[in-house]
Amino acid sequence: MSLSEDDVKRIARLARLEIGAGDAPRYAHDLSAILAFVEQMGAVDTAAVTPMAHPLDAVQRLREDAVTEGDARAAFQAVAPRVERGLYLVPRVIE
């Protein structure tokens, strides 16, 4: 697929991008080359290729899920201005 200078100017306007008048031919050439490469990649048969999430076959190292701090809820709520049934009570902001 080949883009003309008018196509590039229209795309730039739609994307709200400002390009210089002298830059349009270079953008048209570069974007046409990118689109040609995408078409070339689309022509490759990938039916036998297994989809993967990452190009490297790596396993994520996970740490053991262990509690490192004790429950300090009672200590925190002891200094709160108002608490009811384990919840902090705050003034109403929206009427």
PDB file of N, CA and C in Angstrom:
ATOM      1  N   MET A   1       0.857  -1.175   0.000  1.00  0.00           N
ATOM      2  CA  MET A   1       0.000   0.000   0.000  1.00  0.00           C
ATOM      3  C   MET A   1       0.900   1.234   0.000  1.00  0.00           C
ATOM      4  N   SER A   2       0.609   2.124  -0.882  1.00  0.00           N
ATOM      5  CA  SER A   2       1.420   3.322  -1.005  1.00  0.00           C
ATOM      6  C   SER A   2       0.579   4.537  -0.626  1.00  0.00           C
ATOM      7  N   LEU A   3       1.136   5.391   0.194  1.00  0.00           N
ATOM      8  CA  LEU A   3       0.440   6.604   0.612  1.00  0.00           C
ATOM      9  C   LEU A   3       0.942   7.793  -0.186  1.00  0.00           C
ATOM     10  N   SER A   4       0.026   8.664  -0.536  1.00  0.00           N
ATOM     11  CA  SER A   4       0.412   9.895  -1.216  1.00  0.00           C
ATOM     12  C   SER A   4       0.635  10.988  -0.180  1.00  0.00           C
ATOM     13  N   GLU A   5       1.153  12.112  -0.644  1.00  0.00           N
ATOM     14  CA  GLU A   5       1.351  13.246   0.259  1.00  0.00           C
ATOM     15  C   GLU A   5       0.015  13.743   0.801  1.00  0.00           C
ATOM     16  N   ASP A   6      -1.017  13.701  -0.044  1.00  0.00           N
ATOM     17  CA  ASP A   6      -2.350  14.127   0.409  1.00  0.00           C
ATOM     18  C   ASP A   6      -2.879  13.202   1.507  1.00  0.00           C
ATOM     19  N   ASP A   7      -2.606  11.890   1.367  1.00  0.00           N
ATOM     20  CA  ASP A   7      -3.014  10.939   2.411  1.00  0.00           C
ATOM     21  C   ASP A   7      -2.333  11.269   3.735  1.00  0.00           C
ATOM     22  N   VAL A   8      -1.046  11.572   3.665  1.00  0.00           N
ATOM     23  CA  VAL A   8      -0.287  11.892   4.876  1.00  0.00           C
ATOM     24  C   VAL A   8      -0.824  13.165   5.516  1.00  0.00           C
ATOM     25  N   LYS A   9      -1.106  14.156   4.703  1.00  0.00           N
ATOM     26  CA  LYS A   9      -1.648  15.421   5.236  1.00  0.00           C
ATOM     27  C   LYS A   9      -3.015  15.192   5.879  1.00  0.00           C
ATOM     28  N   ARG A  10      -3.838  14.353   5.259  1.00  0.00           N
ATOM     29  CA  ARG A  10      -5.168  14.060   5.821  1.00  0.00           C
ATOM     30  C   ARG A  10      -5.038  13.306   7.139  1.00  0.00           C
ATOM     31  N   ILE A  11      -4.155  12.323   7.184  1.00  0.00           N
ATOM     32  CA  ILE A  11      -3.935  11.556   8.420  1.00  0.00           C
ATOM     33  C   ILE A  11      -3.420  12.481   9.520  1.00  0.00           C
ATOM     34  N   ALA A  12      -2.502  13.369   9.175  1.00  0.00           N
ATOM     35  CA  ALA A  12      -1.959  14.308  10.163  1.00  0.00           C
ATOM     36  C   ALA A  12      -3.054  15.225  10.695  1.00  0.00           C
ATOM     37  N   ARG A  13      -3.932  15.679   9.802  1.00  0.00           N
ATOM     38  CA  ARG A  13      -5.030  16.548  10.244  1.00  0.00           C
ATOM     39  C   ARG A  13      -5.978  15.798  11.169  1.00  0.00           C
ATOM     40  N   LEU A  14      -6.301  14.549  10.830  1.00  0.00           N
ATOM     41  CA  LEU A  14      -7.189  13.748  11.673  1.00  0.00           C
ATOM     42  C   LEU A  14      -6.562  13.455  13.036  1.00  0.00           C
ATOM     43  N   ALA A  15      -5.247  13.289  13.055  1.00  0.00           N
ATOM     44  CA  ALA A  15      -4.539  12.997  14.300  1.00  0.00           C
ATOM     45  C   ALA A  15      -4.152  14.272  15.042  1.00  0.00           C
ATOM     46  N   ARG A  16      -4.533  15.407  14.477  1.00  0.00           N
ATOM     47  CA  ARG A  16      -4.216  16.711  15.078  1.00  0.00           C
ATOM     48  C   ARG A  16      -2.700  16.904  15.220  1.00  0.00           C
ATOM     49  N   LEU A  17      -1.975  16.495  14.165  1.00  0.00           N
ATOM     50  CA  LEU A  17      -0.527  16.661  14.124  1.00  0.00           C
ATOM     51  C   LEU A  17      -0.182  17.699  13.072  1.00  0.00           C
ATOM     52  N   GLU A  18       0.779  18.516  13.373  1.00  0.00           N
ATOM     53  CA  GLU A  18       1.227  19.508  12.409  1.00  0.00           C
ATOM     54  C   GLU A  18       2.536  19.032  11.791  1.00  0.00           C
ATOM     55  N   ILE A  19       2.544  18.923  10.479  1.00  0.00           N
ATOM     56  CA  ILE A  19       3.768  18.557   9.774  1.00  0.00           C
ATOM     57  C   ILE A  19       4.095  19.664   8.785  1.00  0.00           C
ATOM     58  N   GLY A  20       5.365  19.880   8.582  1.00  0.00           N
ATOM     59  CA  GLY A  20       5.797  20.898   7.640  1.00  0.00           C
ATOM     60  C   GLY A  20       5.507  20.484   6.210  1.00  0.00           C
ATOM     61  N   ALA A  21       5.377  21.471   5.331  1.00  0.00           N
ATOM     62  CA  ALA A  21       5.061  21.182   3.934  1.00  0.00           C
ATOM     63  C   ALA A  21       6.169  20.352   3.281  1.00  0.00           C
ATOM     64  N   GLY A  22       7.407  20.582   3.663  1.00  0.00           N
ATOM     65  CA  GLY A  22       8.517  19.836   3.086  1.00  0.00           C
ATOM     66  C   GLY A  22       8.684  18.446   3.655  1.00  0.00           C
ATOM     67  N   ASP A  23       8.026  18.166   4.781  1.00  0.00           N
ATOM     68  CA  ASP A  23       8.172  16.859   5.421  1.00  0.00           C
ATOM     69  C   ASP A  23       7.193  15.818   4.891  1.00  0.00           C
ATOM     70  N   ALA A  24       6.129  16.232   4.228  1.00  0.00           N
ATOM     71  CA  ALA A  24       5.095  15.307   3.771  1.00  0.00           C
ATOM     72  C   ALA A  24       5.640  14.222   2.844  1.00  0.00           C
ATOM     73  N   PRO A  25       6.511  14.524   1.873  1.00  0.00           N
ATOM     74  CA  PRO A  25       7.015  13.437   1.013  1.00  0.00           C
ATOM     75  C   PRO A  25       7.814  12.389   1.776  1.00  0.00           C
ATOM     76  N   ARG A  26       8.616  12.821   2.734  1.00  0.00           N
ATOM     77  CA  ARG A  26       9.411  11.868   3.525  1.00  0.00           C
ATOM     78  C   ARG A  26       8.503  10.989   4.376  1.00  0.00           C
ATOM     79  N   TYR A  27       7.471  11.606   5.006  1.00  0.00           N
ATOM     80  CA  TYR A  27       6.520  10.822   5.803  1.00  0.00           C
ATOM     81  C   TYR A  27       5.759   9.837   4.918  1.00  0.00           C
ATOM     82  N   ALA A  28       5.382  10.271   3.722  1.00  0.00           N
ATOM     83  CA  ALA A  28       4.662   9.373   2.808  1.00  0.00           C
ATOM     84  C   ALA A  28       5.527   8.170   2.466  1.00  0.00           C
ATOM     85  N   HIS A  29       6.806   8.397   2.200  1.00  0.00           N
ATOM     86  CA  HIS A  29       7.721   7.298   1.869  1.00  0.00           C
ATOM     87  C   HIS A  29       7.893   6.360   3.062  1.00  0.00           C
ATOM     88  N   ASP A  30       8.148   6.927   4.247  1.00  0.00           N
ATOM     89  CA  ASP A  30       8.390   6.108   5.441  1.00  0.00           C
ATOM     90  C   ASP A  30       7.148   5.310   5.837  1.00  0.00           C
ATOM     91  N   LEU A  31       5.995   5.958   5.833  1.00  0.00           N
ATOM     92  CA  LEU A  31       4.757   5.252   6.206  1.00  0.00           C
ATOM     93  C   LEU A  31       4.409   4.176   5.183  1.00  0.00           C
ATOM     94  N   SER A  32       4.654   4.437   3.909  1.00  0.00           N
ATOM     95  CA  SER A  32       4.408   3.417   2.879  1.00  0.00           C
ATOM     96  C   SER A  32       5.310   2.208   3.093  1.00  0.00           C
ATOM     97  N   ALA A  33       6.550   2.454   3.481  1.00  0.00           N
ATOM     98  CA  ALA A  33       7.475   1.347   3.740  1.00  0.00           C
ATOM     99  C   ALA A  33       7.015   0.530   4.950  1.00  0.00           C
ATOM    100  N   ILE A  34       6.520   1.209   5.977  1.00  0.00           N
ATOM    101  CA  ILE A  34       6.018   0.501   7.163  1.00  0.00           C
ATOM    102  C   ILE A  34       4.809  -0.350   6.798  1.00  0.00           C
ATOM    103  N   LEU A  35       3.873   0.217   6.037  1.00  0.00           N
ATOM    104  CA  LEU A  35       2.680  -0.530   5.639  1.00  0.00           C
ATOM    105  C   LEU A  35       3.046  -1.712   4.742  1.00  0.00           C
ATOM    106  N   ALA A  36       4.029  -1.546   3.875  1.00  0.00           N
ATOM    107  CA  ALA A  36       4.469  -2.661   3.031  1.00  0.00           C
ATOM    108  C   ALA A  36       5.066  -3.777   3.879  1.00  0.00           C
ATOM    109  N   PHE A  37       5.803  -3.403   4.915  1.00  0.00           N
ATOM    110  CA  PHE A  37       6.381  -4.408   5.805  1.00  0.00           C
ATOM    111  C   PHE A  37       5.285  -5.149   6.575  1.00  0.00           C
ATOM    112  N   VAL A  38       4.256  -4.431   7.008  1.00  0.00           N
ATOM    113  CA  VAL A  38       3.136  -5.068   7.700  1.00  0.00           C
ATOM    114  C   VAL A  38       2.420  -6.033   6.770  1.00  0.00           C
ATOM    115  N   GLU A  39       2.230  -5.650   5.505  1.00  0.00           N
ATOM    116  CA  GLU A  39       1.617  -6.560   4.533  1.00  0.00           C
ATOM    117  C   GLU A  39       2.479  -7.799   4.334  1.00  0.00           C
ATOM    118  N   GLN A  40       3.790  -7.606   4.291  1.00  0.00           N
ATOM    119  CA  GLN A  40       4.717  -8.727   4.133  1.00  0.00           C
ATOM    120  C   GLN A  40       4.619  -9.659   5.340  1.00  0.00           C
ATOM    121  N   MET A  41       4.525  -9.116   6.539  1.00  0.00           N
ATOM    122  CA  MET A  41       4.383  -9.949   7.736  1.00  0.00           C
ATOM    123  C   MET A  41       3.048 -10.679   7.747  1.00  0.00           C
ATOM    124  N   GLY A  42       2.000 -10.030   7.224  1.00  0.00           N
ATOM    125  CA  GLY A  42       0.688 -10.666   7.164  1.00  0.00           C
ATOM    126  C   GLY A  42       0.634 -11.843   6.215  1.00  0.00           C
ATOM    127  N   ALA A  43       1.537 -11.887   5.248  1.00  0.00           N
ATOM    128  CA  ALA A  43       1.552 -12.976   4.277  1.00  0.00           C
ATOM    129  C   ALA A  43       2.223 -14.232   4.814  1.00  0.00           C
ATOM    130  N   VAL A  44       2.904 -14.150   5.928  1.00  0.00           N
ATOM    131  CA  VAL A  44       3.605 -15.295   6.500  1.00  0.00           C
ATOM    132  C   VAL A  44       2.594 -16.246   7.146  1.00  0.00           C
ATOM    133  N   ASP A  45       2.753 -17.550   6.877  1.00  0.00           N
ATOM    134  CA  ASP A  45       1.875 -18.559   7.463  1.00  0.00           C
ATOM    135  C   ASP A  45       2.311 -18.829   8.902  1.00  0.00           C
ATOM    136  N   THR A  46       1.463 -18.474   9.847  1.00  0.00           N
ATOM    137  CA  THR A  46       1.774 -18.662  11.273  1.00  0.00           C
ATOM    138  C   THR A  46       0.858 -19.684  11.929  1.00  0.00           C
ATOM    139  N   ALA A  47       0.236 -20.532  11.129  1.00  0.00           N
ATOM    140  CA  ALA A  47      -0.704 -21.507  11.680  1.00  0.00           C
ATOM    141  C   ALA A  47      -0.028 -22.485  12.629  1.00  0.00           C
ATOM    142  N   ALA A  48       1.226 -22.838  12.367  1.00  0.00           N
ATOM    143  CA  ALA A  48       1.917 -23.827  13.201  1.00  0.00           C
ATOM    144  C   ALA A  48       2.685 -23.190  14.361  1.00  0.00           C
ATOM    145  N   VAL A  49       2.606 -21.879  14.500  1.00  0.00           N
ATOM    146  CA  VAL A  49       3.336 -21.186  15.558  1.00  0.00           C
ATOM    147  C   VAL A  49       2.463 -21.115  16.807  1.00  0.00           C
ATOM    148  N   THR A  50       3.021 -21.549  17.914  1.00  0.00           N
ATOM    149  CA  THR A  50       2.289 -21.504  19.181  1.00  0.00           C
ATOM    150  C   THR A  50       2.322 -20.095  19.755  1.00  0.00           C
ATOM    151  N   PRO A  51       1.166 -19.551  20.108  1.00  0.00           N
ATOM    152  CA  PRO A  51       1.166 -18.210  20.705  1.00  0.00           C
ATOM    153  C   PRO A  51       1.898 -18.219  22.038  1.00  0.00           C
ATOM    154  N   MET A  52       2.572 -17.123  22.327  1.00  0.00           N
ATOM    155  CA  MET A  52       3.283 -17.031  23.599  1.00  0.00           C
ATOM    156  C   MET A  52       3.131 -15.623  24.157  1.00  0.00           C
ATOM    157  N   ALA A  53       3.256 -15.521  25.469  1.00  0.00           N
ATOM    158  CA  ALA A  53       3.108 -14.239  26.138  1.00  0.00           C
ATOM    159  C   ALA A  53       4.404 -13.452  26.145  1.00  0.00           C
ATOM    160  N   HIS A  54       5.530 -14.142  26.003  1.00  0.00           N
ATOM    161  CA  HIS A  54       6.828 -13.488  26.067  1.00  0.00           C
ATOM    162  C   HIS A  54       7.793 -14.264  25.176  1.00  0.00           C
ATOM    163  N   PRO A  55       8.699 -13.586  24.480  1.00  0.00           N
ATOM    164  CA  PRO A  55       9.597 -14.317  23.585  1.00  0.00           C
ATOM    165  C   PRO A  55      10.599 -15.216  24.288  1.00  0.00           C
ATOM    166  N   LEU A  56      10.849 -14.993  25.552  1.00  0.00           N
ATOM    167  CA  LEU A  56      11.771 -15.851  26.303  1.00  0.00           C
ATOM    168  C   LEU A  56      10.979 -16.835  27.138  1.00  0.00           C
ATOM    169  N   ASP A  57      11.439 -18.068  27.187  1.00  0.00           N
ATOM    170  CA  ASP A  57      10.768 -19.084  27.978  1.00  0.00           C
ATOM    171  C   ASP A  57      11.232 -18.947  29.420  1.00  0.00           C
ATOM    172  N   ALA A  58      10.635 -18.017  30.152  1.00  0.00           N
ATOM    173  CA  ALA A  58      11.043 -17.743  31.525  1.00  0.00           C
ATOM    174  C   ALA A  58       9.853 -17.954  32.466  1.00  0.00           C
ATOM    175  N   VAL A  59      10.157 -18.390  33.650  1.00  0.00           N
ATOM    176  CA  VAL A  59       9.145 -18.580  34.676  1.00  0.00           C
ATOM    177  C   VAL A  59       9.300 -17.456  35.692  1.00  0.00           C
ATOM    178  N   GLN A  60       8.189 -16.870  36.048  1.00  0.00           N
ATOM    179  CA  GLN A  60       8.241 -15.780  37.017  1.00  0.00           C
ATOM    180  C   GLN A  60       8.517 -16.341  38.405  1.00  0.00           C
ATOM    181  N   ARG A  61       9.531 -15.779  39.042  1.00  0.00           N
ATOM    182  CA  ARG A  61       9.861 -16.217  40.389  1.00  0.00           C
ATOM    183  C   ARG A  61       8.918 -15.530  41.366  1.00  0.00           C
ATOM    184  N   LEU A  62       8.235 -16.312  42.148  1.00  0.00           N
ATOM    185  CA  LEU A  62       7.298 -15.781  43.129  1.00  0.00           C
ATOM    186  C   LEU A  62       7.814 -16.084  44.529  1.00  0.00           C
ATOM    187  N   ARG A  63       7.639 -15.145  45.404  1.00  0.00           N
ATOM    188  CA  ARG A  63       8.037 -15.370  46.791  1.00  0.00           C
ATOM    189  C   ARG A  63       6.890 -16.059  47.532  1.00  0.00           C
ATOM    190  N   GLU A  64       7.217 -16.676  48.619  1.00  0.00           N
ATOM    191  CA  GLU A  64       6.204 -17.325  49.429  1.00  0.00           C
ATOM    192  C   GLU A  64       5.334 -16.262  50.075  1.00  0.00           C
ATOM    193  N   ASP A  65       4.048 -16.473  50.078  1.00  0.00           N
ATOM    194  CA  ASP A  65       3.112 -15.531  50.670  1.00  0.00           C
ATOM    195  C   ASP A  65       3.097 -15.749  52.180  1.00  0.00           C
ATOM    196  N   ALA A  66       3.732 -14.824  52.897  1.00  0.00           N
ATOM    197  CA  ALA A  66       3.826 -14.966  54.350  1.00  0.00           C
ATOM    198  C   ALA A  66       3.485 -13.628  55.007  1.00  0.00           C
ATOM    199  N   VAL A  67       2.823 -13.690  56.142  1.00  0.00           N
ATOM    200  CA  VAL A  67       2.482 -12.500  56.903  1.00  0.00           C
ATOM    201  C   VAL A  67       3.752 -11.964  57.558  1.00  0.00           C
ATOM    202  N   THR A  68       4.024 -10.661  57.341  1.00  0.00           N
ATOM    203  CA  THR A  68       5.223 -10.072  57.923  1.00  0.00           C
ATOM    204  C   THR A  68       4.903  -9.072  59.025  1.00  0.00           C
ATOM    205  N   GLU A  69       3.649  -8.631  59.099  1.00  0.00           N
ATOM    206  CA  GLU A  69       3.246  -7.688  60.139  1.00  0.00           C
ATOM    207  C   GLU A  69       2.022  -8.230  60.860  1.00  0.00           C
ATOM    208  N   GLY A  70       1.927  -7.916  62.110  1.00  0.00           N
ATOM    209  CA  GLY A  70       0.768  -8.337  62.883  1.00  0.00           C
ATOM    210  C   GLY A  70      -0.425  -7.423  62.639  1.00  0.00           C
ATOM    211  N   ASP A  71      -1.567  -7.799  63.171  1.00  0.00           N
ATOM    212  CA  ASP A  71      -2.787  -7.014  63.022  1.00  0.00           C
ATOM    213  C   ASP A  71      -2.755  -5.850  64.009  1.00  0.00           C
ATOM    214  N   ALA A  72      -2.648  -4.633  63.505  1.00  0.00           N
ATOM    215  CA  ALA A  72      -2.577  -3.440  64.355  1.00  0.00           C
ATOM    216  C   ALA A  72      -3.846  -2.603  64.245  1.00  0.00           C
ATOM    217  N   ARG A  73      -4.925  -3.203  63.774  1.00  0.00           N
ATOM    218  CA  ARG A  73      -6.170  -2.465  63.577  1.00  0.00           C
ATOM    219  C   ARG A  73      -6.675  -1.842  64.866  1.00  0.00           C
ATOM    220  N   ALA A  74      -6.661  -2.570  65.943  1.00  0.00           N
ATOM    221  CA  ALA A  74      -7.153  -2.040  67.221  1.00  0.00           C
ATOM    222  C   ALA A  74      -6.316  -0.858  67.681  1.00  0.00           C
ATOM    223  N   ALA A  75      -5.016  -0.918  67.486  1.00  0.00           N
ATOM    224  CA  ALA A  75      -4.143   0.194  67.891  1.00  0.00           C
ATOM    225  C   ALA A  75      -4.405   1.426  67.036  1.00  0.00           C
ATOM    226  N   PHE A  76      -4.632   1.246  65.738  1.00  0.00           N
ATOM    227  CA  PHE A  76      -4.908   2.383  64.868  1.00  0.00           C
ATOM    228  C   PHE A  76      -6.264   3.003  65.192  1.00  0.00           C
ATOM    229  N   GLN A  77      -7.253   2.165  65.446  1.00  0.00           N
ATOM    230  CA  GLN A  77      -8.585   2.694  65.713  1.00  0.00           C
ATOM    231  C   GLN A  77      -8.701   3.274  67.118  1.00  0.00           C
ATOM    232  N   ALA A  78      -7.802   2.932  67.998  1.00  0.00           N
ATOM    233  CA  ALA A  78      -7.836   3.486  69.352  1.00  0.00           C
ATOM    234  C   ALA A  78      -7.582   4.989  69.340  1.00  0.00           C
ATOM    235  N   VAL A  79      -6.830   5.479  68.367  1.00  0.00           N
ATOM    236  CA  VAL A  79      -6.522   6.910  68.303  1.00  0.00           C
ATOM    237  C   VAL A  79      -7.412   7.650  67.305  1.00  0.00           C
ATOM    238  N   ALA A  80      -8.322   6.951  66.645  1.00  0.00           N
ATOM    239  CA  ALA A  80      -9.225   7.589  65.681  1.00  0.00           C
ATOM    240  C   ALA A  80     -10.301   8.372  66.425  1.00  0.00           C
ATOM    241  N   PRO A  81     -10.747   9.496  65.864  1.00  0.00           N
ATOM    242  CA  PRO A  81     -11.781  10.297  66.534  1.00  0.00           C
ATOM    243  C   PRO A  81     -13.094   9.542  66.723  1.00  0.00           C
ATOM    244  N   ARG A  82     -13.562   8.827  65.669  1.00  0.00           N
ATOM    245  CA  ARG A  82     -14.831   8.088  65.782  1.00  0.00           C
ATOM    246  C   ARG A  82     -14.716   6.767  65.034  1.00  0.00           C
ATOM    247  N   VAL A  83     -15.112   5.709  65.702  1.00  0.00           N
ATOM    248  CA  VAL A  83     -15.089   4.359  65.122  1.00  0.00           C
ATOM    249  C   VAL A  83     -16.378   3.668  65.512  1.00  0.00           C
ATOM    250  N   GLU A  84     -16.940   2.919  64.569  1.00  0.00           N
ATOM    251  CA  GLU A  84     -18.144   2.143  64.872  1.00  0.00           C
ATOM    252  C   GLU A  84     -18.056   0.797  64.159  1.00  0.00           C
ATOM    253  N   ARG A  85     -18.128  -0.284  64.890  1.00  0.00           N
ATOM    254  CA  ARG A  85     -18.081  -1.649  64.369  1.00  0.00           C
ATOM    255  C   ARG A  85     -16.870  -1.879  63.459  1.00  0.00           C
ATOM    256  N   GLY A  86     -15.714  -1.361  63.839  1.00  0.00           N
ATOM    257  CA  GLY A  86     -14.493  -1.576  63.086  1.00  0.00           C
ATOM    258  C   GLY A  86     -14.303  -0.645  61.905  1.00  0.00           C
ATOM    259  N   LEU A  87     -15.192   0.327  61.716  1.00  0.00           N
ATOM    260  CA  LEU A  87     -15.100   1.257  60.596  1.00  0.00           C
ATOM    261  C   LEU A  87     -14.819   2.659  61.110  1.00  0.00           C
ATOM    262  N   TYR A  88     -14.052   3.425  60.345  1.00  0.00           N
ATOM    263  CA  TYR A  88     -13.792   4.818  60.696  1.00  0.00           C
ATOM    264  C   TYR A  88     -14.993   5.654  60.266  1.00  0.00           C
ATOM    265  N   LEU A  89     -15.469   6.512  61.153  1.00  0.00           N
ATOM    266  CA  LEU A  89     -16.570   7.412  60.827  1.00  0.00           C
ATOM    267  C   LEU A  89     -15.988   8.789  60.512  1.00  0.00           C
ATOM    268  N   VAL A  90     -16.393   9.312  59.366  1.00  0.00           N
ATOM    269  CA  VAL A  90     -15.893  10.608  58.926  1.00  0.00           C
ATOM    270  C   VAL A  90     -17.078  11.526  58.655  1.00  0.00           C
ATOM    271  N   PRO A  91     -16.867  12.839  58.680  1.00  0.00           N
ATOM    272  CA  PRO A  91     -17.965  13.757  58.400  1.00  0.00           C
ATOM    273  C   PRO A  91     -18.444  13.607  56.955  1.00  0.00           C
ATOM    274  N   ARG A  92     -19.733  13.817  56.752  1.00  0.00           N
ATOM    275  CA  ARG A  92     -20.310  13.754  55.415  1.00  0.00           C
ATOM    276  C   ARG A  92     -19.784  14.927  54.600  1.00  0.00           C
ATOM    277  N   VAL A  93     -19.344  14.637  53.372  1.00  0.00           N
ATOM    278  CA  VAL A  93     -18.788  15.702  52.533  1.00  0.00           C
ATOM    279  C   VAL A  93     -19.829  16.179  51.528  1.00  0.00           C
ATOM    280  N   ILE A  94     -20.622  15.293  50.984  1.00  0.00           N
ATOM    281  CA  ILE A  94     -21.631  15.650  49.992  1.00  0.00           C
ATOM    282  C   ILE A  94     -22.988  15.644  50.676  1.00  0.00           C
ATOM    283  N   GLU A  95     -23.748  16.698  50.462  1.00  0.00           N
ATOM    284  CA  GLU A  95     -25.080  16.780  51.084  1.00  0.00           C
ATOM    285  C   GLU A  95     -26.145  16.343  50.132  1.00  0.00           C
TER     286      GLU A  95
END
